[in-house]
Amino acid sequence: MGIINLSPDSFSHDGLLSTEAAVVQATRLVEDGADIIDVGGASTRPGAPPVSAEEETERVVPVIAHLHQELRVPISVDTYKYDVARAAIAAGVDIINDIQGLRDDNRLAHLVAKHQLSIIVTANQRGVVLAGDIMAKVMTDLRVAMQCCRDAGVPAENILIDPGLGFGKTAAQDLDVIRRLSELKVLSCPIVLGPSRKSFIGLTLGLQTNERLGGTAAAVALGIAYGADVVRVHDVKEMVRVVRLSDAIVRGHS
C-alpha cells in the first residue's frame, strides 16, 4: 500500500499540495510496485491540528476521482469522518481506512456495507490509559470493531485489521506488537501493518524521520515474518524489494 499524503503538516514531511502532484506520485508508486494507493487529507501525527470534514474532502476527492480514472489498482481513503468517506466513495474509492477503528463514527461500517466496499479498522489507543498487556488491548479493540462491521452487514472477507503502530502506544509497545503480530491470526482477517518512518524507529535507533528507511525495511521484513499481509509504506520501490524477498523466504513465493 503506497501512501499519498495531501496534508501540509504530515509527520513524514511528504505532503502534496496539488491534485496534479498527487496523481504524478501515485502513478509513480504504482509503477514502483504498489498494489493499493492510500489517500489521506489530514495528518494523523500526535498533536496535529484538526481538519474540518469540508477541507479534508476538498483535498482528497479530486485526487481520488483522477486516480479512479487513471489507475488500475484499488484506492483507499484514510479517514474516520463519515462525510469525507461518503464523498470519497462517490469519487470512486474502494477501501475505507479508518484509523479510529469505528470509535468515532460507526456509521462508516454501514456505509461500507451499503456500497460493498472493504474497510481497514485500526486499534487506536490514543487518549486511553494503557496498563498491562498491550496486545490484549489491541485484540479487544479489533474484536469490537470487527463485530461492529459484522453487525452492519460487512462481509467477513471485506474486513482488514491494523494493530495501529504509533497510535497511542510507546515505542516499546510498538516493538512488542510487531514481535507478537502472529497472535492476531486468530481473528482470521488480513493484517495491515504501517511501520513506515514511524517514531518507534526513530526512538529506537536515534534517527530523524528522513533517516528511517533501513529501520522501516527491518520492521516490514519482520512484520511479514510474523504474519502481516499488507504493509503501508512511503518508500514503495525499496519496500517492494523487501516484501518480495521476505515473501520468498517466509511463504515460498517466487
C-alpha atoms as a PDB file:
ATOM      1  CA  MET A   1       0.000   0.000   0.000  1.00  0.00           C
ATOM      2  CA  GLY A   2       1.587   3.251  -1.183  1.00  0.00           C
ATOM      3  CA  ILE A   3       0.894   6.442   0.747  1.00  0.00           C
ATOM      4  CA  ILE A   4      -0.331   9.699  -0.783  1.00  0.00           C
ATOM      5  CA  ASN A   5      -0.369  12.476   1.831  1.00  0.00           C
ATOM      6  CA  LEU A   6      -2.372  15.594   0.994  1.00  0.00           C
ATOM      7  CA  SER A   7      -1.775  17.284   4.320  1.00  0.00           C
ATOM      8  CA  PRO A   8       0.770  20.124   4.583  1.00  0.00           C
ATOM      9  CA  ASP A   9       1.726  19.023   8.117  1.00  0.00           C
ATOM     10  CA  SER A  10       2.323  15.323   7.546  1.00  0.00           C
ATOM     11  CA  PHE A  11       4.737  13.843  10.108  1.00  0.00           C
ATOM     12  CA  SER A  12       6.847  12.433   7.263  1.00  0.00           C
ATOM     13  CA  HIS A  13       7.110  15.834   5.522  1.00  0.00           C
ATOM     14  CA  ASP A  14       5.864  14.409   2.213  1.00  0.00           C
ATOM     15  CA  GLY A  15       2.565  16.275   1.933  1.00  0.00           C
ATOM     16  CA  LEU A  16       1.467  17.092  -1.621  1.00  0.00           C
ATOM     17  CA  LEU A  17      -0.382  20.346  -2.153  1.00  0.00           C
ATOM     18  CA  SER A  18      -1.887  19.864  -5.619  1.00  0.00           C
ATOM     19  CA  THR A  19      -4.005  17.280  -7.386  1.00  0.00           C
ATOM     20  CA  GLU A  20      -1.524  17.138 -10.245  1.00  0.00           C
ATOM     21  CA  ALA A  21       1.428  16.366  -7.958  1.00  0.00           C
ATOM     22  CA  ALA A  22      -0.577  13.686  -6.162  1.00  0.00           C
ATOM     23  CA  VAL A  23      -1.593  11.977  -9.403  1.00  0.00           C
ATOM     24  CA  VAL A  24       2.006  12.009 -10.640  1.00  0.00           C
ATOM     25  CA  GLN A  25       3.261  10.495  -7.381  1.00  0.00           C
ATOM     26  CA  ALA A  26       0.510   7.859  -7.236  1.00  0.00           C
ATOM     27  CA  THR A  27       1.291   6.822 -10.800  1.00  0.00           C
ATOM     28  CA  ARG A  28       4.960   6.500  -9.893  1.00  0.00           C
ATOM     29  CA  LEU A  29       4.135   4.430  -6.791  1.00  0.00           C
ATOM     30  CA  VAL A  30       2.101   2.007  -8.896  1.00  0.00           C
ATOM     31  CA  GLU A  31       4.955   1.769 -11.406  1.00  0.00           C
ATOM     32  CA  ASP A  32       7.242   1.040  -8.451  1.00  0.00           C
ATOM     33  CA  GLY A  33       5.011  -1.858  -7.417  1.00  0.00           C
ATOM     34  CA  ALA A  34       2.246  -0.538  -5.163  1.00  0.00           C
ATOM     35  CA  ASP A  35      -0.845  -2.766  -5.170  1.00  0.00           C
ATOM     36  CA  ILE A  36      -3.052  -0.237  -3.347  1.00  0.00           C
ATOM     37  CA  ILE A  37      -2.913   3.569  -3.128  1.00  0.00           C
ATOM     38  CA  ASP A  38      -3.951   5.112   0.198  1.00  0.00           C
ATOM     39  CA  VAL A  39      -5.012   8.774   0.010  1.00  0.00           C
ATOM     40  CA  GLY A  40      -5.186  10.884   3.159  1.00  0.00           C
ATOM     41  CA  GLY A  41      -6.135  14.514   3.630  1.00  0.00           C
ATOM     42  CA  ALA A  42      -5.432  15.046   7.344  1.00  0.00           C
ATOM     43  CA  SER A  43      -2.280  14.415   9.343  1.00  0.00           C
ATOM     44  CA  THR A  44      -2.517  11.591  11.872  1.00  0.00           C
ATOM     45  CA  ARG A  45       0.556  12.623  13.859  1.00  0.00           C
ATOM     46  CA  PRO A  46       0.026  13.250  17.586  1.00  0.00           C
ATOM     47  CA  GLY A  47      -0.968  16.838  18.264  1.00  0.00           C
ATOM     48  CA  ALA A  48      -1.783  17.674  14.652  1.00  0.00           C
ATOM     49  CA  PRO A  49      -4.366  20.480  14.350  1.00  0.00           C
ATOM     50  CA  PRO A  50      -7.839  19.230  13.432  1.00  0.00           C
ATOM     51  CA  VAL A  51      -9.007  19.463   9.841  1.00  0.00           C
ATOM     52  CA  SER A  52     -12.687  20.020   9.058  1.00  0.00           C
ATOM     53  CA  ALA A  53     -14.560  17.448   7.014  1.00  0.00           C
ATOM     54  CA  GLU A  54     -15.097  20.078   4.335  1.00  0.00           C
ATOM     55  CA  GLU A  55     -11.393  20.840   3.963  1.00  0.00           C
ATOM     56  CA  GLU A  56     -10.422  17.172   4.073  1.00  0.00           C
ATOM     57  CA  THR A  57     -12.987  16.419   1.378  1.00  0.00           C
ATOM     58  CA  GLU A  58     -11.656  19.216  -0.812  1.00  0.00           C
ATOM     59  CA  ARG A  59      -8.173  17.731  -0.546  1.00  0.00           C
ATOM     60  CA  VAL A  60      -8.931  14.079  -1.241  1.00  0.00           C
ATOM     61  CA  VAL A  61     -11.902  13.938  -3.613  1.00  0.00           C
ATOM     62  CA  PRO A  62     -10.282  15.487  -6.729  1.00  0.00           C
ATOM     63  CA  VAL A  63      -7.276  13.189  -6.328  1.00  0.00           C
ATOM     64  CA  ILE A  64      -9.395  10.070  -5.828  1.00  0.00           C
ATOM     65  CA  ALA A  65     -11.529  10.961  -8.858  1.00  0.00           C
ATOM     66  CA  HIS A  66      -8.425  11.284 -11.045  1.00  0.00           C
ATOM     67  CA  LEU A  67      -6.833   8.101  -9.716  1.00  0.00           C
ATOM     68  CA  HIS A  68     -10.075   6.179 -10.188  1.00  0.00           C
ATOM     69  CA  GLN A  69      -9.972   7.085 -13.860  1.00  0.00           C
ATOM     70  CA  GLU A  70      -6.252   6.599 -14.446  1.00  0.00           C
ATOM     71  CA  LEU A  71      -5.082   3.708 -12.243  1.00  0.00           C
ATOM     72  CA  ARG A  72      -5.935   0.018 -12.231  1.00  0.00           C
ATOM     73  CA  VAL A  73      -5.305  -0.619  -8.539  1.00  0.00           C
ATOM     74  CA  PRO A  74      -7.688  -0.259  -5.582  1.00  0.00           C
ATOM     75  CA  ILE A  75      -7.771   3.140  -3.896  1.00  0.00           C
ATOM     76  CA  SER A  76      -8.288   3.596  -0.172  1.00  0.00           C
ATOM     77  CA  VAL A  77      -9.103   6.767   1.702  1.00  0.00           C
ATOM     78  CA  ASP A  78      -7.503   7.362   5.083  1.00  0.00           C
ATOM     79  CA  THR A  79     -10.339   8.948   7.038  1.00  0.00           C
ATOM     80  CA  TYR A  80     -12.591   8.371  10.028  1.00  0.00           C
ATOM     81  CA  LYS A  81     -15.104  11.078   9.040  1.00  0.00           C
ATOM     82  CA  TYR A  82     -18.438   9.923   7.614  1.00  0.00           C
ATOM     83  CA  ASP A  83     -18.917  12.864   5.236  1.00  0.00           C
ATOM     84  CA  VAL A  84     -15.394  12.520   3.843  1.00  0.00           C
ATOM     85  CA  ALA A  85     -15.861   8.784   3.335  1.00  0.00           C
ATOM     86  CA  ARG A  86     -19.198   9.302   1.599  1.00  0.00           C
ATOM     87  CA  ALA A  87     -17.705  11.848  -0.802  1.00  0.00           C
ATOM     88  CA  ALA A  88     -14.691   9.609  -1.437  1.00  0.00           C
ATOM     89  CA  ILE A  89     -16.977   6.691  -2.289  1.00  0.00           C
ATOM     90  CA  ALA A  90     -18.802   8.848  -4.809  1.00  0.00           C
ATOM     91  CA  ALA A  91     -15.407   9.687  -6.342  1.00  0.00           C
ATOM     92  CA  GLY A  92     -14.537   6.015  -6.761  1.00  0.00           C
ATOM     93  CA  VAL A  93     -12.731   4.809  -3.638  1.00  0.00           C
ATOM     94  CA  ASP A  94     -12.608   1.062  -2.918  1.00  0.00           C
ATOM     95  CA  ILE A  95     -11.462   0.876   0.712  1.00  0.00           C
ATOM     96  CA  ILE A  96     -12.122   2.942   3.839  1.00  0.00           C
ATOM     97  CA  ASN A  97      -9.038   3.079   6.085  1.00  0.00           C
ATOM     98  CA  ASP A  98     -10.372   4.108   9.493  1.00  0.00           C
ATOM     99  CA  ILE A  99      -7.564   4.850  11.950  1.00  0.00           C
ATOM    100  CA  GLN A 100     -10.107   5.233  14.757  1.00  0.00           C
ATOM    101  CA  GLY A 101     -11.395   1.683  14.379  1.00  0.00           C
ATOM    102  CA  LEU A 102     -15.024   2.939  14.270  1.00  0.00           C
ATOM    103  CA  ARG A 103     -14.667   4.572  17.698  1.00  0.00           C
ATOM    104  CA  ASP A 104     -15.645   7.987  16.313  1.00  0.00           C
ATOM    105  CA  ASP A 105     -18.464   7.042  13.946  1.00  0.00           C
ATOM    106  CA  ASN A 106     -19.710   3.505  13.453  1.00  0.00           C
ATOM    107  CA  ARG A 107     -21.900   4.708  10.578  1.00  0.00           C
ATOM    108  CA  LEU A 108     -18.813   4.109   8.458  1.00  0.00           C
ATOM    109  CA  ALA A 109     -19.455   0.376   8.765  1.00  0.00           C
ATOM    110  CA  HIS A 110     -22.973   0.783   7.366  1.00  0.00           C
ATOM    111  CA  LEU A 111     -21.599   2.930   4.547  1.00  0.00           C
ATOM    112  CA  VAL A 112     -19.054   0.239   3.679  1.00  0.00           C
ATOM    113  CA  ALA A 113     -21.735  -2.459   3.735  1.00  0.00           C
ATOM    114  CA  LYS A 114     -24.122  -0.440   1.586  1.00  0.00           C
ATOM    115  CA  HIS A 115     -21.544   0.123  -1.142  1.00  0.00           C
ATOM    116  CA  GLN A 116     -19.944  -3.336  -0.845  1.00  0.00           C
ATOM    117  CA  LEU A 117     -16.501  -1.928  -0.087  1.00  0.00           C
ATOM    118  CA  SER A 118     -13.670  -3.082   2.162  1.00  0.00           C
ATOM    119  CA  ILE A 119     -12.649  -1.480   5.452  1.00  0.00           C
ATOM    120  CA  ILE A 120      -9.447  -1.373   7.477  1.00  0.00           C
ATOM    121  CA  VAL A 121     -10.086  -0.983  11.207  1.00  0.00           C
ATOM    122  CA  THR A 122      -7.230   0.161  13.445  1.00  0.00           C
ATOM    123  CA  ALA A 123      -6.534  -0.450  17.120  1.00  0.00           C
ATOM    124  CA  ASN A 124      -6.014   3.148  18.205  1.00  0.00           C
ATOM    125  CA  GLN A 125      -5.130   3.710  21.864  1.00  0.00           C
ATOM    126  CA  ARG A 126      -4.744   7.496  21.772  1.00  0.00           C
ATOM    127  CA  GLY A 127      -6.455   9.045  24.745  1.00  0.00           C
ATOM    128  CA  VAL A 128      -6.549   5.723  26.584  1.00  0.00           C
ATOM    129  CA  VAL A 129      -4.569   4.984  29.742  1.00  0.00           C
ATOM    130  CA  LEU A 130      -2.683   1.800  28.944  1.00  0.00           C
ATOM    131  CA  ALA A 131      -1.538  -0.650  31.563  1.00  0.00           C
ATOM    132  CA  GLY A 132      -0.667  -4.296  31.348  1.00  0.00           C
ATOM    133  CA  ASP A 133      -0.593  -6.317  28.149  1.00  0.00           C
ATOM    134  CA  ILE A 134      -0.729  -4.081  25.061  1.00  0.00           C
ATOM    135  CA  MET A 135      -1.606  -6.972  22.768  1.00  0.00           C
ATOM    136  CA  ALA A 136      -4.648  -7.846  24.864  1.00  0.00           C
ATOM    137  CA  LYS A 137      -5.909  -4.276  24.423  1.00  0.00           C
ATOM    138  CA  VAL A 138      -5.200  -4.338  20.683  1.00  0.00           C
ATOM    139  CA  MET A 139      -7.053  -7.631  20.359  1.00  0.00           C
ATOM    140  CA  THR A 140     -10.059  -6.352  22.307  1.00  0.00           C
ATOM    141  CA  ASP A 141     -10.349  -3.160  20.258  1.00  0.00           C
ATOM    142  CA  LEU A 142     -10.102  -5.053  16.981  1.00  0.00           C
ATOM    143  CA  ARG A 143     -12.733  -7.578  18.054  1.00  0.00           C
ATOM    144  CA  VAL A 144     -15.125  -4.722  18.934  1.00  0.00           C
ATOM    145  CA  ALA A 145     -14.546  -3.024  15.559  1.00  0.00           C
ATOM    146  CA  MET A 146     -14.942  -6.303  13.665  1.00  0.00           C
ATOM    147  CA  GLN A 147     -18.221  -7.032  15.429  1.00  0.00           C
ATOM    148  CA  CYS A 148     -19.445  -3.551  14.556  1.00  0.00           C
ATOM    149  CA  CYS A 149     -18.657  -4.292  10.906  1.00  0.00           C
ATOM    150  CA  ARG A 150     -20.457  -7.635  11.004  1.00  0.00           C
ATOM    151  CA  ASP A 151     -23.500  -6.089  12.696  1.00  0.00           C
ATOM    152  CA  ALA A 152     -23.652  -3.526   9.875  1.00  0.00           C
ATOM    153  CA  GLY A 153     -23.579  -6.267   7.257  1.00  0.00           C
ATOM    154  CA  VAL A 154     -19.958  -6.028   6.093  1.00  0.00           C
ATOM    155  CA  PRO A 155     -18.882  -9.483   4.814  1.00  0.00           C
ATOM    156  CA  ALA A 156     -16.022 -11.024   6.781  1.00  0.00           C
ATOM    157  CA  GLU A 157     -13.810 -11.116   3.694  1.00  0.00           C
ATOM    158  CA  ASN A 158     -14.088  -7.308   3.373  1.00  0.00           C
ATOM    159  CA  ILE A 159     -12.628  -6.586   6.831  1.00  0.00           C
ATOM    160  CA  LEU A 160      -8.916  -5.936   7.366  1.00  0.00           C
ATOM    161  CA  ILE A 161      -7.277  -5.256  10.727  1.00  0.00           C
ATOM    162  CA  ASP A 162      -4.415  -2.927  11.680  1.00  0.00           C
ATOM    163  CA  PRO A 163      -2.780  -3.119  15.140  1.00  0.00           C
ATOM    164  CA  GLY A 164      -2.089   0.625  14.990  1.00  0.00           C
ATOM    165  CA  LEU A 165       1.643   1.167  15.331  1.00  0.00           C
ATOM    166  CA  GLY A 166       2.224   4.640  16.730  1.00  0.00           C
ATOM    167  CA  PHE A 167      -1.386   5.217  17.719  1.00  0.00           C
ATOM    168  CA  GLY A 168      -1.251   5.770  21.460  1.00  0.00           C
ATOM    169  CA  LYS A 169       1.491   3.228  22.075  1.00  0.00           C
ATOM    170  CA  THR A 170       5.013   3.681  23.365  1.00  0.00           C
ATOM    171  CA  ALA A 171       7.990   2.682  21.237  1.00  0.00           C
ATOM    172  CA  ALA A 172       8.437  -0.419  23.395  1.00  0.00           C
ATOM    173  CA  GLN A 173       4.788  -1.332  22.894  1.00  0.00           C
ATOM    174  CA  ASP A 174       5.071  -0.882  19.120  1.00  0.00           C
ATOM    175  CA  LEU A 175       8.029  -3.263  19.092  1.00  0.00           C
ATOM    176  CA  ASP A 176       6.051  -5.728  21.206  1.00  0.00           C
ATOM    177  CA  VAL A 177       3.108  -5.554  18.803  1.00  0.00           C
ATOM    178  CA  ILE A 178       5.336  -6.421  15.830  1.00  0.00           C
ATOM    179  CA  ARG A 179       7.004  -9.208  17.797  1.00  0.00           C
ATOM    180  CA  ARG A 180       3.605 -10.714  18.640  1.00  0.00           C
ATOM    181  CA  LEU A 181       1.809  -9.955  15.383  1.00  0.00           C
ATOM    182  CA  SER A 182       1.065 -13.636  14.748  1.00  0.00           C
ATOM    183  CA  GLU A 183      -1.355 -13.563  17.703  1.00  0.00           C
ATOM    184  CA  LEU A 184      -3.759 -11.580  15.520  1.00  0.00           C
ATOM    185  CA  LYS A 185      -4.124 -14.547  13.161  1.00  0.00           C
ATOM    186  CA  VAL A 186      -6.857 -15.936  15.434  1.00  0.00           C
ATOM    187  CA  LEU A 187      -9.090 -13.097  14.179  1.00  0.00           C
ATOM    188  CA  SER A 188      -8.979 -14.582  10.654  1.00  0.00           C
ATOM    189  CA  CYS A 189      -8.629 -11.220   8.889  1.00  0.00           C
ATOM    190  CA  PRO A 190      -5.832  -9.885   6.674  1.00  0.00           C
ATOM    191  CA  ILE A 191      -3.362  -7.920   8.799  1.00  0.00           C
ATOM    192  CA  VAL A 192      -2.298  -4.437   7.692  1.00  0.00           C
ATOM    193  CA  LEU A 193       0.925  -3.072   9.176  1.00  0.00           C
ATOM    194  CA  GLY A 194       2.023   0.569   8.965  1.00  0.00           C
ATOM    195  CA  PRO A 195       5.581   0.923  10.306  1.00  0.00           C
ATOM    196  CA  SER A 196       6.845   3.361   7.673  1.00  0.00           C
ATOM    197  CA  ARG A 197       9.095   6.087   9.161  1.00  0.00           C
ATOM    198  CA  LYS A 198       7.246   5.808  12.489  1.00  0.00           C
ATOM    199  CA  SER A 199       8.574   7.287  15.721  1.00  0.00           C
ATOM    200  CA  PHE A 200       9.339   3.913  17.305  1.00  0.00           C
ATOM    201  CA  ILE A 201      12.060   3.507  14.667  1.00  0.00           C
ATOM    202  CA  GLY A 202      13.485   6.939  15.383  1.00  0.00           C
ATOM    203  CA  LEU A 203      13.388   6.453  19.154  1.00  0.00           C
ATOM    204  CA  THR A 204      14.964   3.006  18.981  1.00  0.00           C
ATOM    205  CA  LEU A 205      17.744   3.980  16.569  1.00  0.00           C
ATOM    206  CA  GLY A 206      18.118   7.691  17.342  1.00  0.00           C
ATOM    207  CA  LEU A 207      17.153   8.764  13.820  1.00  0.00           C
ATOM    208  CA  GLN A 208      15.232  11.645  12.255  1.00  0.00           C
ATOM    209  CA  THR A 209      12.232  10.949  10.032  1.00  0.00           C
ATOM    210  CA  ASN A 210      14.201  11.134   6.782  1.00  0.00           C
ATOM    211  CA  GLU A 211      16.765   8.618   8.085  1.00  0.00           C
ATOM    212  CA  ARG A 212      14.388   5.750   8.815  1.00  0.00           C
ATOM    213  CA  LEU A 213      14.405   3.798   5.543  1.00  0.00           C
ATOM    214  CA  GLY A 214      16.556   0.968   6.899  1.00  0.00           C
ATOM    215  CA  GLY A 215      14.534   0.740  10.094  1.00  0.00           C
ATOM    216  CA  THR A 216      11.325   0.659   8.079  1.00  0.00           C
ATOM    217  CA  ALA A 217      12.744  -2.170   5.963  1.00  0.00           C
ATOM    218  CA  ALA A 218      13.560  -4.189   9.079  1.00  0.00           C
ATOM    219  CA  ALA A 219      10.079  -3.646  10.508  1.00  0.00           C
ATOM    220  CA  VAL A 220       8.450  -4.597   7.201  1.00  0.00           C
ATOM    221  CA  ALA A 221      10.506  -7.782   6.833  1.00  0.00           C
ATOM    222  CA  LEU A 222       9.874  -8.917  10.395  1.00  0.00           C
ATOM    223  CA  GLY A 223       6.227  -7.880  10.174  1.00  0.00           C
ATOM    224  CA  ILE A 224       5.812 -10.190   7.187  1.00  0.00           C
ATOM    225  CA  ALA A 225       7.640 -12.974   9.028  1.00  0.00           C
ATOM    226  CA  TYR A 226       5.176 -12.583  11.899  1.00  0.00           C
ATOM    227  CA  GLY A 227       2.087 -12.525   9.671  1.00  0.00           C
ATOM    228  CA  ALA A 228       1.472  -9.137   8.019  1.00  0.00           C
ATOM    229  CA  ASP A 229      -0.461  -9.385   4.739  1.00  0.00           C
ATOM    230  CA  VAL A 230      -0.405  -5.701   3.688  1.00  0.00           C
ATOM    231  CA  VAL A 231       2.261  -3.106   4.501  1.00  0.00           C
ATOM    232  CA  ARG A 232       1.505   0.600   4.247  1.00  0.00           C
ATOM    233  CA  VAL A 233       4.680   2.474   3.222  1.00  0.00           C
ATOM    234  CA  HIS A 234       6.037   5.719   1.820  1.00  0.00           C
ATOM    235  CA  ASP A 235       9.068   4.277   0.015  1.00  0.00           C
ATOM    236  CA  VAL A 236       7.353   1.806  -2.285  1.00  0.00           C
ATOM    237  CA  LYS A 237      10.207   0.987  -4.656  1.00  0.00           C
ATOM    238  CA  GLU A 238      12.553  -0.015  -1.852  1.00  0.00           C
ATOM    239  CA  MET A 239       9.909  -1.776   0.239  1.00  0.00           C
ATOM    240  CA  VAL A 240       8.598  -3.825  -2.700  1.00  0.00           C
ATOM    241  CA  ARG A 241      12.009  -5.483  -2.831  1.00  0.00           C
ATOM    242  CA  VAL A 242      11.894  -6.139   0.903  1.00  0.00           C
ATOM    243  CA  VAL A 243       8.373  -7.557   0.614  1.00  0.00           C
ATOM    244  CA  ARG A 244       9.183  -9.852  -2.303  1.00  0.00           C
ATOM    245  CA  LEU A 245      12.292 -11.292  -0.685  1.00  0.00           C
ATOM    246  CA  SER A 246      10.522 -11.671   2.655  1.00  0.00           C
ATOM    247  CA  ASP A 247       7.654 -13.489   0.944  1.00  0.00           C
ATOM    248  CA  ALA A 248      10.121 -15.741  -0.887  1.00  0.00           C
ATOM    249  CA  ILE A 249      11.773 -16.703   2.393  1.00  0.00           C
ATOM    250  CA  VAL A 250       8.730 -16.886   4.670  1.00  0.00           C
ATOM    251  CA  ARG A 251       5.973 -18.057   2.348  1.00  0.00           C
ATOM    252  CA  GLY A 252       7.856 -19.598  -0.536  1.00  0.00           C
ATOM    253  CA  HIS A 253       6.613 -17.008  -3.033  1.00  0.00           C
ATOM    254  CA  SER A 254       8.843 -16.621  -6.078  1.00  0.00           C
END
